[in-house]
Each structure stands twice: as C-alpha cells, then as structure tokens.
Amino acid sequence: MYDLSDRNLTLLPESLFCSDSDDIQQLNLRRNSLSAKNPANPSAVQVGWLDDLTRFASLTSLDLSSNRLSTFPVSITQLLNLQKLNLASNCIQTIPSNVKLLKR
C-alpha cells in the first residue's frame, strides 16, 4: 500500500510515477488538497493531476476522501481492477454513468 495521506499534496508526487505504478494495488490519498484537473488547462492530461490515474492499472483500492474534488476524476472509470473507492468529504456534484462498469 502507498500511503500519501495528510501531506497537503496538490499534485501526485512525481516519485509515485517513477516507481512501478503497475504494481500499486492500494493508494491512500486522503486528507490532501488534490483536485481532478489543472484549472489552468482542464482539457489536458498532465502528470501529477488525478486525471493521470490510468497509469495504475492494478489498483484495487483508492482513497480520495477529504480532498478538494469538485468533479469526479474520469480516469477512475478506466481502473478496471478497482474494487474500493472512497470519495467522502469532497464537493462532487455528479458521478458519470460509466462508473457502473467498475467491478464493485
């Protein structure tokens, strides 16, 4: 498990992407200051933003509770092995319909 909780992160650390991200099964990012997209360039996929989560193909558990999410990170719908997702204490208004394609 990678535990990056309580670090006041605004971006995912570069070291997370330098490691073998295919092997990460559990990722704890709770109580940070993460947002889904770069507000300066919301249409681009950029390293460090949550829209870059597709690199974690083996992820089964993801905790994004208590961050600054106002939109659902669409890249989560591409995490086909994801079984547990915690988005509590964010300001997400809508969840995309393709979330139902996730395993659980």
PDB file of N, CA and C in Angstrom:
ATOM      1  N   MET A   1       0.837  -1.183   0.000  1.00  0.00           N
ATOM      2  CA  MET A   1       0.000   0.000   0.000  1.00  0.00           C
ATOM      3  C   MET A   1       0.881   1.245   0.000  1.00  0.00           C
ATOM      4  N   TYR A   2       0.498   2.195  -0.826  1.00  0.00           N
ATOM      5  CA  TYR A   2       1.139   3.512  -0.824  1.00  0.00           C
ATOM      6  C   TYR A   2       0.258   4.437   0.003  1.00  0.00           C
ATOM      7  N   ASP A   3       0.798   4.953   1.085  1.00  0.00           N
ATOM      8  CA  ASP A   3       0.048   5.855   1.949  1.00  0.00           C
ATOM      9  C   ASP A   3       0.622   7.261   1.820  1.00  0.00           C
ATOM     10  N   LEU A   4      -0.116   8.112   1.138  1.00  0.00           N
ATOM     11  CA  LEU A   4       0.276   9.509   0.952  1.00  0.00           C
ATOM     12  C   LEU A   4      -0.751  10.435   1.596  1.00  0.00           C
ATOM     13  N   SER A   5      -1.370   9.972   2.659  1.00  0.00           N
ATOM     14  CA  SER A   5      -2.386  10.777   3.337  1.00  0.00           C
ATOM     15  C   SER A   5      -1.743  11.865   4.188  1.00  0.00           C
ATOM     16  N   ASP A   6      -2.512  12.910   4.428  1.00  0.00           N
ATOM     17  CA  ASP A   6      -2.115  14.009   5.329  1.00  0.00           C
ATOM     18  C   ASP A   6      -0.795  14.671   4.945  1.00  0.00           C
ATOM     19  N   ARG A   7      -0.593  14.918   3.673  1.00  0.00           N
ATOM     20  CA  ARG A   7       0.662  15.549   3.229  1.00  0.00           C
ATOM     21  C   ARG A   7       0.439  16.891   2.549  1.00  0.00           C
ATOM     22  N   ASN A   8      -0.782  17.372   2.550  1.00  0.00           N
ATOM     23  CA  ASN A   8      -1.113  18.647   1.920  1.00  0.00           C
ATOM     24  C   ASN A   8      -0.707  18.687   0.443  1.00  0.00           C
ATOM     25  N   LEU A   9      -0.848  17.550  -0.230  1.00  0.00           N
ATOM     26  CA  LEU A   9      -0.496  17.461  -1.652  1.00  0.00           C
ATOM     27  C   LEU A   9      -1.521  18.192  -2.509  1.00  0.00           C
ATOM     28  N   THR A  10      -1.046  18.909  -3.511  1.00  0.00           N
ATOM     29  CA  THR A  10      -1.931  19.485  -4.520  1.00  0.00           C
ATOM     30  C   THR A  10      -1.804  18.713  -5.829  1.00  0.00           C
ATOM     31  N   LEU A  11      -0.702  17.994  -5.979  1.00  0.00           N
ATOM     32  CA  LEU A  11      -0.439  17.125  -7.133  1.00  0.00           C
ATOM     33  C   LEU A  11       0.055  15.784  -6.618  1.00  0.00           C
ATOM     34  N   LEU A  12      -0.106  14.757  -7.428  1.00  0.00           N
ATOM     35  CA  LEU A  12       0.502  13.476  -7.086  1.00  0.00           C
ATOM     36  C   LEU A  12       2.009  13.619  -7.243  1.00  0.00           C
ATOM     37  N   PRO A  13       2.789  13.129  -6.286  1.00  0.00           N
ATOM     38  CA  PRO A  13       4.241  13.304  -6.368  1.00  0.00           C
ATOM     39  C   PRO A  13       4.850  12.545  -7.544  1.00  0.00           C
ATOM     40  N   GLU A  14       5.830  13.156  -8.163  1.00  0.00           N
ATOM     41  CA  GLU A  14       6.497  12.550  -9.315  1.00  0.00           C
ATOM     42  C   GLU A  14       7.076  11.181  -8.970  1.00  0.00           C
ATOM     43  N   SER A  15       7.533  11.006  -7.742  1.00  0.00           N
ATOM     44  CA  SER A  15       8.110   9.728  -7.320  1.00  0.00           C
ATOM     45  C   SER A  15       7.103   8.587  -7.436  1.00  0.00           C
ATOM     46  N   LEU A  16       5.833   8.892  -7.304  1.00  0.00           N
ATOM     47  CA  LEU A  16       4.794   7.880  -7.444  1.00  0.00           C
ATOM     48  C   LEU A  16       4.764   7.337  -8.867  1.00  0.00           C
ATOM     49  N   PHE A  17       5.026   8.182  -9.833  1.00  0.00           N
ATOM     50  CA  PHE A  17       5.028   7.765 -11.231  1.00  0.00           C
ATOM     51  C   PHE A  17       6.349   7.128 -11.630  1.00  0.00           C
ATOM     52  N   CYS A  18       7.408   7.423 -10.895  1.00  0.00           N
ATOM     53  CA  CYS A  18       8.716   6.834 -11.183  1.00  0.00           C
ATOM     54  C   CYS A  18       8.792   5.397 -10.690  1.00  0.00           C
ATOM     55  N   SER A  19       8.014   5.079  -9.659  1.00  0.00           N
ATOM     56  CA  SER A  19       8.001   3.712  -9.161  1.00  0.00           C
ATOM     57  C   SER A  19       7.249   2.842 -10.163  1.00  0.00           C
ATOM     58  N   ASP A  20       7.183   1.561  -9.884  1.00  0.00           N
ATOM     59  CA  ASP A  20       6.476   0.659 -10.788  1.00  0.00           C
ATOM     60  C   ASP A  20       4.978   0.785 -10.528  1.00  0.00           C
ATOM     61  N   SER A  21       4.363   1.766 -11.144  1.00  0.00           N
ATOM     62  CA  SER A  21       2.966   2.088 -10.868  1.00  0.00           C
ATOM     63  C   SER A  21       2.012   0.953 -11.234  1.00  0.00           C
ATOM     64  N   ASP A  22       2.431   0.047 -12.104  1.00  0.00           N
ATOM     65  CA  ASP A  22       1.581  -1.093 -12.452  1.00  0.00           C
ATOM     66  C   ASP A  22       1.376  -2.038 -11.278  1.00  0.00           C
ATOM     67  N   ASP A  23       2.280  -2.021 -10.303  1.00  0.00           N
ATOM     68  CA  ASP A  23       2.199  -2.937  -9.168  1.00  0.00           C
ATOM     69  C   ASP A  23       1.440  -2.369  -7.978  1.00  0.00           C
ATOM     70  N   ILE A  24       1.106  -1.104  -7.999  1.00  0.00           N
ATOM     71  CA  ILE A  24       0.409  -0.496  -6.864  1.00  0.00           C
ATOM     72  C   ILE A  24      -1.042  -0.969  -6.854  1.00  0.00           C
ATOM     73  N   GLN A  25      -1.437  -1.599  -5.751  1.00  0.00           N
ATOM     74  CA  GLN A  25      -2.805  -2.096  -5.631  1.00  0.00           C
ATOM     75  C   GLN A  25      -3.666  -1.232  -4.721  1.00  0.00           C
ATOM     76  N   GLN A  26      -3.053  -0.600  -3.729  1.00  0.00           N
ATOM     77  CA  GLN A  26      -3.797   0.247  -2.800  1.00  0.00           C
ATOM     78  C   GLN A  26      -3.108   1.600  -2.700  1.00  0.00           C
ATOM     79  N   LEU A  27      -3.897   2.644  -2.829  1.00  0.00           N
ATOM     80  CA  LEU A  27      -3.354   4.001  -2.799  1.00  0.00           C
ATOM     81  C   LEU A  27      -4.225   4.864  -1.890  1.00  0.00           C
ATOM     82  N   ASN A  28      -3.607   5.398  -0.839  1.00  0.00           N
ATOM     83  CA  ASN A  28      -4.314   6.231   0.126  1.00  0.00           C
ATOM     84  C   ASN A  28      -3.874   7.680  -0.062  1.00  0.00           C
ATOM     85  N   LEU A  29      -4.790   8.506  -0.531  1.00  0.00           N
ATOM     86  CA  LEU A  29      -4.521   9.926  -0.777  1.00  0.00           C
ATOM     87  C   LEU A  29      -5.444  10.822   0.043  1.00  0.00           C
ATOM     88  N   ARG A  30      -6.010  10.305   1.104  1.00  0.00           N
ATOM     89  CA  ARG A  30      -6.988  11.087   1.878  1.00  0.00           C
ATOM     90  C   ARG A  30      -6.333  12.265   2.598  1.00  0.00           C
ATOM     91  N   ARG A  31      -7.173  13.247   2.867  1.00  0.00           N
ATOM     92  CA  ARG A  31      -6.789  14.469   3.587  1.00  0.00           C
ATOM     93  C   ARG A  31      -5.591  15.177   2.948  1.00  0.00           C
ATOM     94  N   ASN A  32      -5.745  15.506   1.678  1.00  0.00           N
ATOM     95  CA  ASN A  32      -4.784  16.325   0.953  1.00  0.00           C
ATOM     96  C   ASN A  32      -5.540  17.492   0.327  1.00  0.00           C
ATOM     97  N   SER A  33      -4.962  18.129  -0.653  1.00  0.00           N
ATOM     98  CA  SER A  33      -5.617  19.240  -1.360  1.00  0.00           C
ATOM     99  C   SER A  33      -5.641  18.962  -2.857  1.00  0.00           C
ATOM    100  N   LEU A  34      -5.927  17.718  -3.206  1.00  0.00           N
ATOM    101  CA  LEU A  34      -5.921  17.303  -4.608  1.00  0.00           C
ATOM    102  C   LEU A  34      -7.191  17.745  -5.318  1.00  0.00           C
ATOM    103  N   SER A  35      -7.049  18.073  -6.595  1.00  0.00           N
ATOM    104  CA  SER A  35      -8.202  18.344  -7.446  1.00  0.00           C
ATOM    105  C   SER A  35      -8.068  17.484  -8.695  1.00  0.00           C
ATOM    106  N   ALA A  36      -9.173  17.289  -9.384  1.00  0.00           N
ATOM    107  CA  ALA A  36      -9.192  16.348 -10.500  1.00  0.00           C
ATOM    108  C   ALA A  36      -8.375  16.817 -11.696  1.00  0.00           C
ATOM    109  N   LYS A  37      -8.440  18.098 -12.006  1.00  0.00           N
ATOM    110  CA  LYS A  37      -7.764  18.620 -13.199  1.00  0.00           C
ATOM    111  C   LYS A  37      -7.051  19.919 -12.882  1.00  0.00           C
ATOM    112  N   ASN A  38      -6.113  20.240 -13.728  1.00  0.00           N
ATOM    113  CA  ASN A  38      -5.403  21.508 -13.631  1.00  0.00           C
ATOM    114  C   ASN A  38      -6.363  22.617 -14.051  1.00  0.00           C
ATOM    115  N   PRO A  39      -6.728  23.516 -13.157  1.00  0.00           N
ATOM    116  CA  PRO A  39      -7.666  24.577 -13.528  1.00  0.00           C
ATOM    117  C   PRO A  39      -7.140  25.495 -14.627  1.00  0.00           C
ATOM    118  N   ALA A  40      -5.830  25.575 -14.786  1.00  0.00           N
ATOM    119  CA  ALA A  40      -5.253  26.422 -15.830  1.00  0.00           C
ATOM    120  C   ALA A  40      -5.362  25.777 -17.211  1.00  0.00           C
ATOM    121  N   ASN A  41      -5.471  24.446 -17.260  1.00  0.00           N
ATOM    122  CA  ASN A  41      -5.553  23.732 -18.534  1.00  0.00           C
ATOM    123  C   ASN A  41      -6.401  22.473 -18.350  1.00  0.00           C
ATOM    124  N   PRO A  42      -7.705  22.618 -18.146  1.00  0.00           N
ATOM    125  CA  PRO A  42      -8.555  21.486 -17.794  1.00  0.00           C
ATOM    126  C   PRO A  42      -8.722  20.431 -18.878  1.00  0.00           C
ATOM    127  N   SER A  43      -8.420  20.741 -20.123  1.00  0.00           N
ATOM    128  CA  SER A  43      -8.607  19.759 -21.186  1.00  0.00           C
ATOM    129  C   SER A  43      -7.400  18.847 -21.382  1.00  0.00           C
ATOM    130  N   ALA A  44      -6.283  19.172 -20.779  1.00  0.00           N
ATOM    131  CA  ALA A  44      -5.060  18.388 -20.972  1.00  0.00           C
ATOM    132  C   ALA A  44      -4.861  17.381 -19.843  1.00  0.00           C
ATOM    133  N   VAL A  45      -4.388  16.187 -20.206  1.00  0.00           N
ATOM    134  CA  VAL A  45      -3.974  15.201 -19.213  1.00  0.00           C
ATOM    135  C   VAL A  45      -2.536  15.514 -18.859  1.00  0.00           C
ATOM    136  N   GLN A  46      -2.300  15.767 -17.583  1.00  0.00           N
ATOM    137  CA  GLN A  46      -0.961  16.158 -17.159  1.00  0.00           C
ATOM    138  C   GLN A  46      -0.512  15.302 -15.985  1.00  0.00           C
ATOM    139  N   VAL A  47       0.755  14.947 -15.971  1.00  0.00           N
ATOM    140  CA  VAL A  47       1.314  14.143 -14.894  1.00  0.00           C
ATOM    141  C   VAL A  47       1.133  14.868 -13.570  1.00  0.00           C
ATOM    142  N   GLY A  48       0.688  14.149 -12.575  1.00  0.00           N
ATOM    143  CA  GLY A  48       0.508  14.711 -11.249  1.00  0.00           C
ATOM    144  C   GLY A  48      -0.931  15.032 -10.905  1.00  0.00           C
ATOM    145  N   TRP A  49      -1.764  15.245 -11.906  1.00  0.00           N
ATOM    146  CA  TRP A  49      -3.172  15.517 -11.657  1.00  0.00           C
ATOM    147  C   TRP A  49      -3.925  14.197 -11.629  1.00  0.00           C
ATOM    148  N   LEU A  50      -5.065  14.164 -10.991  1.00  0.00           N
ATOM    149  CA  LEU A  50      -5.813  12.922 -10.838  1.00  0.00           C
ATOM    150  C   LEU A  50      -6.335  12.362 -12.148  1.00  0.00           C
ATOM    151  N   ASP A  51      -6.340  13.152 -13.196  1.00  0.00           N
ATOM    152  CA  ASP A  51      -6.764  12.609 -14.488  1.00  0.00           C
ATOM    153  C   ASP A  51      -5.692  11.701 -15.083  1.00  0.00           C
ATOM    154  N   ASP A  52      -4.591  11.534 -14.375  1.00  0.00           N
ATOM    155  CA  ASP A  52      -3.497  10.670 -14.824  1.00  0.00           C
ATOM    156  C   ASP A  52      -3.477   9.337 -14.065  1.00  0.00           C
ATOM    157  N   LEU A  53      -4.571   8.973 -13.429  1.00  0.00           N
ATOM    158  CA  LEU A  53      -4.624   7.748 -12.633  1.00  0.00           C
ATOM    159  C   LEU A  53      -4.612   6.470 -13.463  1.00  0.00           C
ATOM    160  N   THR A  54      -4.792   6.567 -14.751  1.00  0.00           N
ATOM    161  CA  THR A  54      -4.837   5.369 -15.590  1.00  0.00           C
ATOM    162  C   THR A  54      -3.525   4.595 -15.580  1.00  0.00           C
ATOM    163  N   ARG A  55      -2.457   5.200 -15.129  1.00  0.00           N
ATOM    164  CA  ARG A  55      -1.168   4.502 -15.031  1.00  0.00           C
ATOM    165  C   ARG A  55      -1.193   3.390 -13.988  1.00  0.00           C
ATOM    166  N   PHE A  56      -2.166   3.423 -13.103  1.00  0.00           N
ATOM    167  CA  PHE A  56      -2.232   2.462 -12.001  1.00  0.00           C
ATOM    168  C   PHE A  56      -3.220   1.344 -12.336  1.00  0.00           C
ATOM    169  N   ALA A  57      -2.878   0.551 -13.324  1.00  0.00           N
ATOM    170  CA  ALA A  57      -3.782  -0.468 -13.855  1.00  0.00           C
ATOM    171  C   ALA A  57      -4.146  -1.548 -12.841  1.00  0.00           C
ATOM    172  N   SER A  58      -3.295  -1.809 -11.862  1.00  0.00           N
ATOM    173  CA  SER A  58      -3.546  -2.865 -10.875  1.00  0.00           C
ATOM    174  C   SER A  58      -4.264  -2.366  -9.629  1.00  0.00           C
ATOM    175  N   LEU A  59      -4.614  -1.104  -9.600  1.00  0.00           N
ATOM    176  CA  LEU A  59      -5.211  -0.507  -8.409  1.00  0.00           C
ATOM    177  C   LEU A  59      -6.541  -1.173  -8.062  1.00  0.00           C
ATOM    178  N   THR A  60      -6.660  -1.653  -6.821  1.00  0.00           N
ATOM    179  CA  THR A  60      -7.906  -2.251  -6.344  1.00  0.00           C
ATOM    180  C   THR A  60      -8.591  -1.379  -5.298  1.00  0.00           C
ATOM    181  N   SER A  61      -7.832  -0.504  -4.639  1.00  0.00           N
ATOM    182  CA  SER A  61      -8.392   0.350  -3.588  1.00  0.00           C
ATOM    183  C   SER A  61      -7.812   1.756  -3.711  1.00  0.00           C
ATOM    184  N   LEU A  62      -8.706   2.747  -3.716  1.00  0.00           N
ATOM    185  CA  LEU A  62      -8.295   4.141  -3.860  1.00  0.00           C
ATOM    186  C   LEU A  62      -9.081   4.998  -2.875  1.00  0.00           C
ATOM    187  N   ASP A  63      -8.360   5.697  -2.014  1.00  0.00           N
ATOM    188  CA  ASP A  63      -8.994   6.585  -1.036  1.00  0.00           C
ATOM    189  C   ASP A  63      -8.650   8.030  -1.378  1.00  0.00           C
ATOM    190  N   LEU A  64      -9.649   8.770  -1.826  1.00  0.00           N
ATOM    191  CA  LEU A  64      -9.507  10.188  -2.159  1.00  0.00           C
ATOM    192  C   LEU A  64     -10.382  11.048  -1.246  1.00  0.00           C
ATOM    193  N   SER A  65     -10.743  10.529  -0.108  1.00  0.00           N
ATOM    194  CA  SER A  65     -11.619  11.274   0.797  1.00  0.00           C
ATOM    195  C   SER A  65     -10.920  12.517   1.340  1.00  0.00           C
ATOM    196  N   SER A  66     -11.709  13.519   1.638  1.00  0.00           N
ATOM    197  CA  SER A  66     -11.236  14.774   2.242  1.00  0.00           C
ATOM    198  C   SER A  66     -10.164  15.473   1.410  1.00  0.00           C
ATOM    199  N   ASN A  67     -10.470  15.670   0.147  1.00  0.00           N
ATOM    200  CA  ASN A  67      -9.621  16.441  -0.750  1.00  0.00           C
ATOM    201  C   ASN A  67     -10.421  17.641  -1.247  1.00  0.00           C
ATOM    202  N   ARG A  68     -10.045  18.197  -2.368  1.00  0.00           N
ATOM    203  CA  ARG A  68     -10.758  19.353  -2.935  1.00  0.00           C
ATOM    204  C   ARG A  68     -11.381  19.006  -4.281  1.00  0.00           C
ATOM    205  N   LEU A  69     -11.959  17.844  -4.351  1.00  0.00           N
ATOM    206  CA  LEU A  69     -12.549  17.399  -5.609  1.00  0.00           C
ATOM    207  C   LEU A  69     -13.929  18.015  -5.795  1.00  0.00           C
ATOM    208  N   SER A  70     -14.105  18.703  -6.901  1.00  0.00           N
ATOM    209  CA  SER A  70     -15.423  19.238  -7.232  1.00  0.00           C
ATOM    210  C   SER A  70     -16.016  18.483  -8.418  1.00  0.00           C
ATOM    211  N   THR A  71     -15.164  17.772  -9.142  1.00  0.00           N
ATOM    212  CA  THR A  71     -15.624  16.924 -10.240  1.00  0.00           C
ATOM    213  C   THR A  71     -15.069  15.519 -10.045  1.00  0.00           C
ATOM    214  N   PHE A  72     -15.773  14.562 -10.577  1.00  0.00           N
ATOM    215  CA  PHE A  72     -15.348  13.172 -10.492  1.00  0.00           C
ATOM    216  C   PHE A  72     -14.160  12.957 -11.426  1.00  0.00           C
ATOM    217  N   PRO A  73     -13.046  12.425 -10.927  1.00  0.00           N
ATOM    218  CA  PRO A  73     -11.896  12.153 -11.808  1.00  0.00           C
ATOM    219  C   PRO A  73     -12.254  11.041 -12.802  1.00  0.00           C
ATOM    220  N   VAL A  74     -12.504  11.395 -14.037  1.00  0.00           N
ATOM    221  CA  VAL A  74     -12.986  10.457 -15.043  1.00  0.00           C
ATOM    222  C   VAL A  74     -12.022   9.292 -15.242  1.00  0.00           C
ATOM    223  N   SER A  75     -10.750   9.496 -15.002  1.00  0.00           N
ATOM    224  CA  SER A  75      -9.777   8.414 -15.173  1.00  0.00           C
ATOM    225  C   SER A  75     -10.081   7.231 -14.260  1.00  0.00           C
ATOM    226  N   ILE A  76     -10.817   7.447 -13.186  1.00  0.00           N
ATOM    227  CA  ILE A  76     -11.182   6.355 -12.278  1.00  0.00           C
ATOM    228  C   ILE A  76     -12.000   5.299 -13.006  1.00  0.00           C
ATOM    229  N   THR A  77     -12.814   5.709 -13.955  1.00  0.00           N
ATOM    230  CA  THR A  77     -13.652   4.751 -14.681  1.00  0.00           C
ATOM    231  C   THR A  77     -12.829   3.807 -15.551  1.00  0.00           C
ATOM    232  N   GLN A  78     -11.568   4.122 -15.755  1.00  0.00           N
ATOM    233  CA  GLN A  78     -10.692   3.258 -16.553  1.00  0.00           C
ATOM    234  C   GLN A  78      -9.864   2.309 -15.691  1.00  0.00           C
ATOM    235  N   LEU A  79     -10.045   2.367 -14.385  1.00  0.00           N
ATOM    236  CA  LEU A  79      -9.330   1.478 -13.463  1.00  0.00           C
ATOM    237  C   LEU A  79     -10.159   0.208 -13.297  1.00  0.00           C
ATOM    238  N   LEU A  80      -9.990  -0.721 -14.202  1.00  0.00           N
ATOM    239  CA  LEU A  80     -10.868  -1.879 -14.295  1.00  0.00           C
ATOM    240  C   LEU A  80     -10.740  -2.859 -13.141  1.00  0.00           C
ATOM    241  N   ASN A  81      -9.660  -2.801 -12.376  1.00  0.00           N
ATOM    242  CA  ASN A  81      -9.490  -3.689 -11.224  1.00  0.00           C
ATOM    243  C   ASN A  81      -9.946  -3.052  -9.918  1.00  0.00           C
ATOM    244  N   LEU A  82     -10.380  -1.794  -9.973  1.00  0.00           N
ATOM    245  CA  LEU A  82     -10.768  -1.069  -8.769  1.00  0.00           C
ATOM    246  C   LEU A  82     -11.996  -1.706  -8.120  1.00  0.00           C
ATOM    247  N   GLN A  83     -11.882  -2.008  -6.832  1.00  0.00           N
ATOM    248  CA  GLN A  83     -12.981  -2.610  -6.081  1.00  0.00           C
ATOM    249  C   GLN A  83     -13.474  -1.708  -4.959  1.00  0.00           C
ATOM    250  N   LYS A  84     -12.602  -0.856  -4.456  1.00  0.00           N
ATOM    251  CA  LYS A  84     -12.967   0.009  -3.332  1.00  0.00           C
ATOM    252  C   LYS A  84     -12.558   1.444  -3.657  1.00  0.00           C
ATOM    253  N   LEU A  85     -13.516   2.359  -3.542  1.00  0.00           N
ATOM    254  CA  LEU A  85     -13.280   3.769  -3.840  1.00  0.00           C
ATOM    255  C   LEU A  85     -13.934   4.616  -2.754  1.00  0.00           C
ATOM    256  N   ASN A  86     -13.159   5.511  -2.150  1.00  0.00           N
ATOM    257  CA  ASN A  86     -13.689   6.407  -1.124  1.00  0.00           C
ATOM    258  C   ASN A  86     -13.517   7.846  -1.600  1.00  0.00           C
ATOM    259  N   LEU A  87     -14.637   8.522  -1.808  1.00  0.00           N
ATOM    260  CA  LEU A  87     -14.646   9.923  -2.239  1.00  0.00           C
ATOM    261  C   LEU A  87     -15.363  10.810  -1.216  1.00  0.00           C
ATOM    262  N   ALA A  88     -15.519  10.336  -0.003  1.00  0.00           N
ATOM    263  CA  ALA A  88     -16.242  11.077   1.032  1.00  0.00           C
ATOM    264  C   ALA A  88     -15.577  12.423   1.318  1.00  0.00           C
ATOM    265  N   SER A  89     -16.367  13.361   1.764  1.00  0.00           N
ATOM    266  CA  SER A  89     -15.905  14.699   2.169  1.00  0.00           C
ATOM    267  C   SER A  89     -15.218  15.459   1.038  1.00  0.00           C
ATOM    268  N   ASN A  90     -15.807  15.390  -0.128  1.00  0.00           N
ATOM    269  CA  ASN A  90     -15.423  16.200  -1.276  1.00  0.00           C
ATOM    270  C   ASN A  90     -16.677  16.949  -1.717  1.00  0.00           C
ATOM    271  N   CYS A  91     -16.600  17.725  -2.751  1.00  0.00           N
ATOM    272  CA  CYS A  91     -17.750  18.502  -3.229  1.00  0.00           C
ATOM    273  C   CYS A  91     -18.193  18.048  -4.614  1.00  0.00           C
ATOM    274  N   ILE A  92     -18.154  16.762  -4.855  1.00  0.00           N
ATOM    275  CA  ILE A  92     -18.532  16.213  -6.161  1.00  0.00           C
ATOM    276  C   ILE A  92     -20.050  16.258  -6.297  1.00  0.00           C
ATOM    277  N   GLN A  93     -20.520  16.866  -7.374  1.00  0.00           N
ATOM    278  CA  GLN A  93     -21.958  17.024  -7.608  1.00  0.00           C
ATOM    279  C   GLN A  93     -22.550  15.858  -8.396  1.00  0.00           C
ATOM    280  N   THR A  94     -21.823  15.385  -9.409  1.00  0.00           N
ATOM    281  CA  THR A  94     -22.344  14.309 -10.253  1.00  0.00           C
ATOM    282  C   THR A  94     -21.277  13.240 -10.467  1.00  0.00           C
ATOM    283  N   ILE A  95     -21.764  12.031 -10.694  1.00  0.00           N
ATOM    284  CA  ILE A  95     -20.882  10.898 -10.967  1.00  0.00           C
ATOM    285  C   ILE A  95     -21.257  10.368 -12.343  1.00  0.00           C
ATOM    286  N   PRO A  96     -20.272  10.147 -13.219  1.00  0.00           N
ATOM    287  CA  PRO A  96     -20.586   9.685 -14.576  1.00  0.00           C
ATOM    288  C   PRO A  96     -21.249   8.304 -14.575  1.00  0.00           C
ATOM    289  N   SER A  97     -22.096   8.084 -15.549  1.00  0.00           N
ATOM    290  CA  SER A  97     -22.844   6.827 -15.613  1.00  0.00           C
ATOM    291  C   SER A  97     -21.951   5.611 -15.835  1.00  0.00           C
ATOM    292  N   ASN A  98     -20.791   5.786 -16.458  1.00  0.00           N
ATOM    293  CA  ASN A  98     -19.936   4.627 -16.716  1.00  0.00           C
ATOM    294  C   ASN A  98     -19.209   4.125 -15.469  1.00  0.00           C
ATOM    295  N   VAL A  99     -19.450   4.731 -14.314  1.00  0.00           N
ATOM    296  CA  VAL A  99     -18.902   4.226 -13.053  1.00  0.00           C
ATOM    297  C   VAL A  99     -19.448   2.826 -12.787  1.00  0.00           C
ATOM    298  N   LYS A 100     -20.646   2.554 -13.245  1.00  0.00           N
ATOM    299  CA  LYS A 100     -21.249   1.238 -13.015  1.00  0.00           C
ATOM    300  C   LYS A 100     -20.478   0.118 -13.710  1.00  0.00           C
ATOM    301  N   LEU A 101     -19.554   0.452 -14.599  1.00  0.00           N
ATOM    302  CA  LEU A 101     -18.738  -0.559 -15.265  1.00  0.00           C
ATOM    303  C   LEU A 101     -17.616  -1.082 -14.375  1.00  0.00           C
ATOM    304  N   LEU A 102     -17.359  -0.406 -13.277  1.00  0.00           N
ATOM    305  CA  LEU A 102     -16.337  -0.866 -12.344  1.00  0.00           C
ATOM    306  C   LEU A 102     -16.802  -2.161 -11.687  1.00  0.00           C
ATOM    307  N   LYS A 103     -15.844  -2.952 -11.202  1.00  0.00           N
ATOM    308  CA  LYS A 103     -16.159  -4.275 -10.671  1.00  0.00           C
ATOM    309  C   LYS A 103     -17.182  -4.265  -9.551  1.00  0.00           C
ATOM    310  N   ARG A 104     -17.082  -3.327  -8.639  1.00  0.00           N
ATOM    311  CA  ARG A 104     -17.993  -3.289  -7.489  1.00  0.00           C
ATOM    312  C   ARG A 104     -18.612  -1.930  -7.362  1.00  0.00           C
TER     313      ARG A 104
END
